[in-house]
């Protein structure tokens, strides 16, 4: 996204500038661990995108004093050579204020032949180059002359000196080397280290849903990089309104006390990257339909998908393209349960990015983590917690 003047970046993110203060008593934990149960379908054993068999996630986090808070997060569809074993994929754009390298070829061919990499806006070219070096060096790719690397971004320029473009090829390799199929670190890590969501510290979040055997037994996993705004809503409860921090608050309540910096609304601008994985045998067309429903899950959290927001979904199936052609894709009539699954997982992944994030100080100020004690009290009052 475009670089903005510091005061405008602050206004658009709704970030809170404050001295260091003690965090609330509630420990940082996932939304579900604290009683926020989203939807009707059960999660996988990790409640993470890695519940989809073969999917691996790795982070490289860059944190240096108050100047750098950025990083890279990688999602690999399987443990093999992505160039040689392509998988079906689709791209969905909610609002296109962002940079998603490699998107046109995915949309044209319906295939993914690289990891999905997430980073900061101005680091996209360097991450792309680092991933390209890694892919070209894989055994079996000696004669490869074209690779479509997919790199998404959100702008962490409030909490990091983004113009330094601090993510290097070595960081990409570090994230790739760390990628595994186990539990996924969430919150202020990797590409989520410097992000802000709903005026609070955002970050990386993940969740999954598993359909019962009668509906195919398929798993849908979602990973998000949250850096956007709106009116935070959790399980239907108006948390942003109750906390007094949300989009258009200053315009709707001109008499309300201002934040530490004058004229700082919690705006809806920013970006979110949503990565959807499934083991269901879906072709690119139905993956696109699945990706559209991920945006429905995003909407449940209170996102406005504003003019200045980049809202993207990258959806892939782990069944290789060659195998899918042989066995045939899932029929349209089987998609509705998967739609429900991706809506629920996307919604919960956003909550996890907030619940597990920690406060971070950057060159333009400190962004506090969502206050969990107060948030849980609000959810309890609205009946949004599991008894």
Protein backbone atom coordinates (compact mmCIF):
# COMPACT_ATOMS: atom_id res chain seq x y z
CA UNK A 1 0.00 0.00 0.00
CA UNK A 2 1.09 3.62 -0.48
CA UNK A 3 3.37 5.10 2.13
CA UNK A 4 1.47 7.63 4.22
CA UNK A 5 2.64 10.51 6.38
CA UNK A 6 3.13 9.39 10.02
CA UNK A 7 0.13 11.31 11.35
CA UNK A 8 -2.11 9.91 8.64
CA UNK A 9 -0.86 6.38 9.14
CA UNK A 10 -1.72 6.75 12.79
CA UNK A 11 -5.18 8.05 12.01
CA UNK A 12 -5.91 5.32 9.51
CA UNK A 13 -4.86 2.45 11.76
CA UNK A 14 -6.45 3.85 14.89
CA UNK A 15 -3.28 2.83 16.74
CA UNK A 16 -2.93 3.80 20.36
CA UNK A 17 0.06 5.85 21.43
CA UNK A 18 0.62 5.36 25.13
CA UNK A 19 3.34 4.83 27.68
CA UNK A 20 4.13 1.26 28.61
CA UNK A 21 1.50 -0.03 31.01
CA UNK A 22 0.90 -3.33 32.75
CA UNK A 23 -1.20 -5.70 30.71
CA UNK A 24 -4.50 -6.98 32.05
CA UNK A 25 -4.48 -10.09 34.19
CA UNK A 26 -5.85 -12.54 31.62
CA UNK A 27 -2.98 -14.41 29.91
CA UNK A 28 -2.78 -14.31 26.14
CA UNK A 29 -4.61 -17.37 24.87
CA UNK A 30 -6.64 -18.42 21.86
CA UNK A 31 -10.24 -17.29 21.63
CA UNK A 32 -11.53 -20.84 22.00
CA UNK A 33 -9.37 -21.49 25.08
CA UNK A 34 -11.06 -18.50 26.73
CA UNK A 35 -14.58 -19.65 25.89
CA UNK A 36 -15.19 -18.00 22.51
CA UNK A 37 -16.61 -20.89 20.49
CA UNK A 38 -17.33 -19.83 16.92
CA UNK A 39 -19.98 -21.60 14.87
CA UNK A 40 -21.25 -25.18 14.91
CA UNK A 41 -18.50 -27.27 13.32
CA UNK A 42 -15.61 -28.81 15.31
CA UNK A 43 -12.03 -27.71 14.75
CA UNK A 44 -9.19 -30.03 13.88
CA UNK A 45 -6.83 -31.21 16.63
CA UNK A 46 -4.59 -28.11 16.40
CA UNK A 47 -7.32 -25.67 15.33
CA UNK A 48 -4.84 -24.48 12.72
CA UNK A 49 -4.25 -24.50 8.97
CA UNK A 50 -1.80 -27.34 9.59
CA UNK A 51 -4.75 -29.61 10.39
CA UNK A 52 -4.94 -29.94 6.61
CA UNK A 53 -2.57 -32.86 6.04
CA UNK A 54 0.77 -31.85 4.55
CA UNK A 55 0.41 -28.10 5.01
CA UNK A 56 3.42 -26.50 6.70
CA UNK A 57 3.83 -23.03 8.23
CA UNK A 58 7.00 -21.18 9.20
CA UNK A 59 7.84 -17.70 10.48
CA UNK A 60 10.86 -15.43 10.56
CA UNK A 61 10.30 -12.52 12.96
CA UNK A 62 12.38 -9.35 12.85
CA UNK A 63 12.25 -7.22 16.00
CA UNK A 64 14.94 -4.64 16.71
CA UNK A 65 14.33 -2.08 19.45
CA UNK A 66 11.59 0.40 18.58
CA UNK A 67 12.57 0.65 14.93
CA UNK A 68 11.87 -2.72 13.28
CA UNK A 69 8.84 -4.95 13.79
CA UNK A 70 8.29 -7.00 10.68
CA UNK A 71 8.92 -10.44 9.22
CA UNK A 72 7.81 -13.15 6.83
CA UNK A 73 5.39 -16.06 7.14
CA UNK A 74 5.37 -18.97 4.70
CA UNK A 75 2.64 -21.53 3.99
CA UNK A 76 3.58 -24.59 1.95
CA UNK A 77 0.85 -26.80 0.47
CA UNK A 78 2.87 -30.00 0.84
CA UNK A 79 6.33 -31.30 1.65
CA UNK A 80 7.43 -31.80 -1.95
CA UNK A 81 8.72 -29.60 -4.74
CA UNK A 82 5.99 -26.96 -5.35
CA UNK A 83 7.13 -26.32 -8.93
CA UNK A 84 6.95 -29.98 -9.90
CA UNK A 85 3.84 -30.83 -7.87
CA UNK A 86 1.37 -28.04 -8.51
CA UNK A 87 -1.92 -27.79 -6.62
CA UNK A 88 -5.26 -26.22 -7.59
CA UNK A 89 -5.63 -22.65 -6.38
CA UNK A 90 -7.71 -19.49 -6.69
CA UNK A 91 -7.45 -15.82 -5.78
CA UNK A 92 -10.34 -13.73 -4.46
CA UNK A 93 -10.15 -9.94 -4.08
CA UNK A 94 -12.48 -8.16 -1.68
CA UNK A 95 -10.98 -4.69 -2.02
CA UNK A 96 -7.82 -4.50 -4.10
CA UNK A 97 -5.76 -1.81 -2.34
CA UNK A 98 -2.64 -3.94 -2.01
CA UNK A 99 0.09 -5.94 -3.66
CA UNK A 100 -0.34 -9.65 -4.31
CA UNK A 101 2.55 -10.77 -6.48
CA UNK A 102 1.82 -13.75 -8.70
CA UNK A 103 -1.96 -13.38 -8.53
CA UNK A 104 -2.64 -13.07 -12.27
CA UNK A 105 -1.11 -16.42 -13.19
CA UNK A 106 -2.96 -18.18 -10.38
CA UNK A 107 -6.22 -16.67 -11.62
CA UNK A 108 -5.43 -17.59 -15.22
CA UNK A 109 -4.25 -21.18 -14.74
CA UNK A 110 -5.87 -22.11 -11.42
CA UNK A 111 -2.61 -23.51 -10.07
CA UNK A 112 -0.17 -22.77 -7.26
CA UNK A 113 3.49 -23.65 -7.85
CA UNK A 114 5.19 -21.91 -4.92
CA UNK A 115 4.75 -21.42 -1.20
CA UNK A 116 2.39 -18.63 -0.20
CA UNK A 117 4.55 -15.96 1.44
CA UNK A 118 3.31 -13.04 3.56
CA UNK A 119 5.34 -9.98 4.53
CA UNK A 120 5.28 -6.17 4.69
CA UNK A 121 4.34 -3.97 1.74
CA UNK A 122 7.78 -2.71 0.75
CA UNK A 123 9.39 -6.11 1.36
CA UNK A 124 7.40 -7.95 -1.33
CA UNK A 125 10.15 -7.77 -4.00
CA UNK A 126 12.83 -9.02 -1.61
CA UNK A 127 10.69 -11.88 -0.34
CA UNK A 128 9.77 -12.78 -3.91
CA UNK A 129 13.45 -12.86 -4.86
CA UNK A 130 14.42 -14.94 -1.82
CA UNK A 131 11.68 -17.48 -2.52
CA UNK A 132 12.66 -17.62 -6.18
CA UNK A 133 16.26 -18.45 -5.24
CA UNK A 134 15.01 -21.21 -2.96
CA UNK A 135 12.70 -22.69 -5.57
CA UNK A 136 15.26 -22.64 -8.39
CA UNK A 137 17.76 -24.42 -6.15
CA UNK A 138 15.44 -27.35 -5.37
CA UNK A 139 16.52 -30.67 -6.87
CA UNK A 140 14.57 -31.29 -10.06
CA UNK A 141 14.29 -27.60 -10.97
CA UNK A 142 17.62 -27.32 -12.78
CA UNK A 143 15.93 -26.64 -16.14
CA UNK A 144 13.11 -24.45 -14.79
CA UNK A 145 12.92 -21.08 -16.57
CA UNK A 146 9.71 -19.66 -15.14
CA UNK A 147 8.33 -19.75 -11.62
CA UNK A 148 5.25 -17.95 -10.34
CA UNK A 149 5.99 -16.93 -6.75
CA UNK A 150 2.98 -15.78 -4.70
CA UNK A 151 3.71 -13.06 -2.12
CA UNK A 152 1.07 -11.10 -0.21
CA UNK A 153 1.47 -8.16 2.15
CA UNK A 154 0.06 -5.76 4.66
CA UNK A 155 1.56 -2.41 5.63
CA UNK A 156 3.35 -2.45 9.01
CA UNK A 157 4.70 1.09 8.58
CA UNK A 158 3.29 2.36 11.88
CA UNK A 159 5.19 -0.12 14.04
CA UNK A 160 8.23 -0.61 11.82
CA UNK A 161 10.60 1.51 9.76
CA UNK A 162 9.15 0.08 6.58
CA UNK A 163 11.42 2.06 4.27
CA UNK A 164 14.40 0.02 5.49
CA UNK A 165 12.87 -3.02 3.76
CA UNK A 166 14.42 -5.15 6.45
CA UNK A 167 13.28 -8.60 5.27
CA UNK A 168 16.12 -10.27 3.37
CA UNK A 169 16.56 -13.52 1.46
CA UNK A 170 18.11 -15.07 4.57
CA UNK A 171 14.87 -14.40 6.47
CA UNK A 172 12.86 -16.12 3.75
CA UNK A 173 15.12 -19.15 3.97
CA UNK A 174 14.84 -19.07 7.77
CA UNK A 175 11.04 -19.13 7.58
CA UNK A 176 11.10 -21.93 5.01
CA UNK A 177 13.51 -23.97 7.13
CA UNK A 178 11.26 -23.50 10.17
CA UNK A 179 8.09 -24.57 8.37
CA UNK A 180 6.48 -27.71 9.77
CA UNK A 181 3.14 -29.42 10.13
CA UNK A 182 2.72 -28.84 13.88
CA UNK A 183 1.25 -26.09 16.00
CA UNK A 184 1.38 -22.61 14.47
CA UNK A 185 2.78 -19.64 16.41
CA UNK A 186 0.24 -16.82 16.40
CA UNK A 187 -0.01 -13.17 17.35
CA UNK A 188 2.92 -10.77 16.98
CA UNK A 189 5.10 -13.12 14.95
CA UNK A 190 6.39 -13.39 11.41
CA UNK A 191 4.50 -11.22 8.95
CA UNK A 192 2.18 -10.21 11.80
CA UNK A 193 4.86 -8.70 14.02
CA UNK A 194 4.06 -5.09 13.08
CA UNK A 195 0.37 -5.19 12.17
CA UNK A 196 -2.60 -3.38 13.74
CA UNK A 197 -6.25 -4.54 13.68
CA UNK A 198 -9.31 -2.62 14.88
CA UNK A 199 -6.96 -0.18 16.66
CA UNK A 200 -5.34 -2.99 18.68
CA UNK A 201 -2.31 -5.15 18.01
CA UNK A 202 -3.09 -7.53 15.16
CA UNK A 203 -0.96 -10.35 13.82
CA UNK A 204 -1.07 -13.92 12.58
CA UNK A 205 -4.09 -16.05 13.44
CA UNK A 206 -5.23 -19.48 12.37
CA UNK A 207 -8.14 -21.89 12.83
CA UNK A 208 -9.65 -24.97 11.19
CA UNK A 209 -12.86 -26.90 10.79
CA UNK A 210 -13.39 -30.61 10.09
CA UNK A 211 -16.55 -31.91 8.47
CA UNK A 212 -18.15 -35.10 9.79
CA UNK A 213 -17.62 -38.25 7.76
CA UNK A 214 -21.19 -38.07 6.48
CA UNK A 215 -20.25 -34.80 4.74
CA UNK A 216 -16.95 -36.07 3.37
CA UNK A 217 -14.70 -35.69 6.41
CA UNK A 218 -12.81 -32.84 4.72
CA UNK A 219 -10.73 -30.31 6.64
CA UNK A 220 -10.58 -26.58 5.95
CA UNK A 221 -7.78 -24.51 7.50
CA UNK A 222 -7.31 -20.75 7.48
CA UNK A 223 -4.38 -18.48 8.31
CA UNK A 224 -4.74 -14.68 8.44
CA UNK A 225 -2.44 -11.68 8.60
CA UNK A 226 -4.61 -8.96 10.15
CA UNK A 227 -3.92 -5.25 9.62
CA UNK A 228 -7.33 -3.67 9.07
CA UNK A 229 -10.12 -1.86 10.85
CA UNK A 230 -13.85 -1.46 11.26
CA UNK A 231 -16.12 -2.14 14.21
CA UNK A 232 -14.80 -5.14 16.11
CA UNK A 233 -17.51 -7.75 16.63
CA UNK A 234 -16.80 -11.05 18.42
CA UNK A 235 -19.37 -13.84 18.26
CA UNK A 236 -21.97 -11.19 17.53
CA UNK A 237 -21.06 -8.99 20.50
CA UNK A 238 -20.25 -5.31 19.75
CA UNK A 239 -16.83 -5.34 21.41
CA UNK A 240 -15.42 -2.37 19.49
CA UNK A 241 -18.42 -0.24 20.37
CA UNK A 242 -18.26 -1.25 24.04
CA UNK A 243 -14.53 -0.57 24.20
CA UNK A 244 -15.11 2.84 22.63
CA UNK A 245 -12.72 2.25 19.75
CA UNK A 246 -14.12 1.76 16.29
CA UNK A 247 -14.38 3.22 12.82
CA UNK A 248 -16.28 6.55 12.62
CA UNK A 249 -16.42 6.99 16.40
CA UNK A 250 -15.08 10.59 16.32
CA UNK A 251 -17.54 11.53 13.58
CA UNK A 252 -20.49 9.94 15.37
CA UNK A 253 -19.51 11.17 18.84
CA UNK A 254 -17.70 14.50 18.42
CA UNK A 255 -17.89 15.25 22.15
CA UNK A 256 -16.03 12.10 23.18
CA UNK A 257 -12.51 12.50 24.63
CA UNK A 258 -9.76 12.24 22.06
CA UNK A 259 -6.85 9.77 22.14
CA UNK A 260 -3.30 10.81 23.06
CA UNK A 261 -2.79 12.15 19.51
CA UNK A 262 -5.47 14.59 18.26
CA UNK A 263 -7.95 13.45 15.62
CA UNK A 264 -7.09 9.75 15.73
CA UNK A 265 -10.08 7.72 14.52
CA UNK A 266 -10.08 3.94 14.49
CA UNK A 267 -10.42 3.78 10.74
CA UNK A 268 -11.28 0.87 8.49
CA UNK A 269 -8.25 1.18 6.23
CA UNK A 270 -5.48 -1.41 6.24
CA UNK A 271 -5.26 -4.89 4.79
CA UNK A 272 -5.84 -8.55 5.50
CA UNK A 273 -4.39 -11.61 3.84
CA UNK A 274 -6.43 -14.80 4.20
CA UNK A 275 -4.88 -18.13 3.20
CA UNK A 276 -7.33 -21.04 2.90
CA UNK A 277 -6.23 -24.67 2.60
CA UNK A 278 -8.33 -27.79 2.22
CA UNK A 279 -7.84 -31.48 1.53
CA UNK A 280 -11.14 -31.59 -0.35
CA UNK A 281 -10.56 -32.31 -4.07
CA UNK A 282 -11.60 -28.91 -5.38
CA UNK A 283 -10.83 -27.37 -8.74
CA UNK A 284 -9.95 -23.69 -9.15
CA UNK A 285 -13.55 -22.67 -9.77
CA UNK A 286 -14.84 -24.12 -6.53
CA UNK A 287 -11.77 -22.87 -4.66
CA UNK A 288 -12.74 -19.40 -5.79
CA UNK A 289 -16.23 -19.97 -4.44
CA UNK A 290 -14.69 -21.18 -1.17
CA UNK A 291 -12.49 -18.07 -1.01
CA UNK A 292 -15.48 -15.77 -1.39
CA UNK A 293 -17.01 -17.31 1.73
CA UNK A 294 -13.82 -16.57 3.67
CA UNK A 295 -14.71 -12.91 3.17
CA UNK A 296 -18.08 -13.64 4.79
CA UNK A 297 -16.18 -14.82 7.87
CA UNK A 298 -14.11 -11.64 7.75
CA UNK A 299 -17.28 -9.55 7.64
CA UNK A 300 -18.56 -11.21 10.82
CA UNK A 301 -15.58 -9.75 12.70
CA UNK A 302 -16.62 -6.20 11.81
CA UNK A 303 -14.30 -5.48 8.89
CA UNK A 304 -15.51 -2.71 6.60
CA UNK A 305 -13.31 -3.64 3.60
CA UNK A 306 -12.87 0.08 3.09
CA UNK A 307 -11.51 2.05 0.15
CA UNK A 308 -7.99 1.93 1.57
CA UNK A 309 -8.00 -1.75 2.50
CA UNK A 310 -6.44 -4.67 0.65
CA UNK A 311 -8.57 -7.74 1.36
CA UNK A 312 -7.28 -10.88 -0.37
CA UNK A 313 -7.93 -14.61 -0.20
CA UNK A 314 -5.54 -17.25 -1.54
CA UNK A 315 -7.28 -20.63 -1.51
CA UNK A 316 -5.66 -23.94 -2.44
CA UNK A 317 -6.41 -27.64 -2.28
CA UNK A 318 -3.67 -30.09 -1.34
CA UNK A 319 -4.65 -32.64 -3.99
CA UNK A 320 -2.06 -32.28 -6.79
CA UNK A 321 -3.39 -31.04 -10.11
CA UNK A 322 -2.50 -34.29 -11.87
CA UNK A 323 -4.35 -36.39 -9.28
CA UNK A 324 -7.37 -34.10 -9.38
CA UNK A 325 -7.61 -34.51 -13.14
CA UNK A 326 -7.58 -38.29 -12.73
CA UNK A 327 -10.12 -38.55 -9.92
CA UNK A 328 -12.32 -35.58 -10.76
CA UNK A 329 -13.23 -32.63 -8.50
CA UNK A 330 -15.89 -32.51 -5.82
CA UNK A 331 -19.35 -31.73 -7.16
CA UNK A 332 -21.00 -28.36 -6.63
CA UNK A 333 -23.65 -29.98 -4.43
CA UNK A 334 -21.00 -30.93 -1.86
CA UNK A 335 -19.72 -27.37 -1.39
CA UNK A 336 -22.18 -25.89 1.09
CA UNK A 337 -20.72 -27.60 4.20
CA UNK A 338 -17.26 -26.43 3.12
CA UNK A 339 -18.62 -22.90 2.82
CA UNK A 340 -19.82 -23.07 6.43
CA UNK A 341 -16.43 -24.43 7.48
CA UNK A 342 -14.40 -21.67 5.86
CA UNK A 343 -16.67 -18.93 7.21
CA UNK A 344 -16.24 -20.21 10.77
CA UNK A 345 -12.50 -20.80 10.47
CA UNK A 346 -11.85 -17.37 8.94
CA UNK A 347 -13.83 -15.64 11.68
CA UNK A 348 -12.03 -17.51 14.46
CA UNK A 349 -8.60 -17.00 12.89
CA UNK A 350 -9.11 -13.23 13.05
CA UNK A 351 -10.05 -13.45 16.73
CA UNK A 352 -6.96 -15.56 17.44
CA UNK A 353 -4.73 -12.97 15.78
CA UNK A 354 -6.02 -10.43 18.32
CA UNK A 355 -6.25 -12.65 21.40
CA UNK A 356 -2.71 -13.99 21.00
CA UNK A 357 -1.02 -10.73 19.99
CA UNK A 358 1.14 -8.83 22.46
CA UNK A 359 1.71 -5.08 22.70
CA UNK A 360 4.47 -3.74 20.44
CA UNK A 361 6.28 -0.40 20.42
CA UNK A 362 7.48 1.00 17.11
CA UNK A 363 8.97 4.22 15.78
CA UNK A 364 5.62 6.02 15.85
CA UNK A 365 4.31 4.74 19.17
CA UNK A 366 3.04 1.73 21.05
CA UNK A 367 0.07 -0.39 20.02
CA UNK A 368 -1.63 -2.17 22.90
CA UNK A 369 -2.95 -5.71 22.77
CA UNK A 370 -6.68 -6.23 22.94
CA UNK A 371 -7.57 -6.06 26.67
CA UNK A 372 -8.72 -9.60 27.35
CA UNK A 373 -10.25 -9.15 30.81
CA UNK A 374 -12.46 -6.34 29.58
CA UNK A 375 -13.24 -8.10 26.32
CA UNK A 376 -14.28 -11.30 28.10
CA UNK A 377 -16.51 -9.30 30.44
CA UNK A 378 -18.23 -7.74 27.42
CA UNK A 379 -18.67 -11.13 25.77
CA UNK A 380 -20.08 -12.56 28.97
CA UNK A 381 -22.58 -9.72 29.25
CA UNK A 382 -23.78 -10.36 25.69
CA UNK A 383 -23.94 -14.13 26.09
CA UNK A 384 -21.14 -14.66 23.58
CA UNK A 385 -19.07 -17.02 25.75
CA UNK A 386 -19.58 -20.74 26.18
CA UNK A 387 -21.14 -21.36 29.62
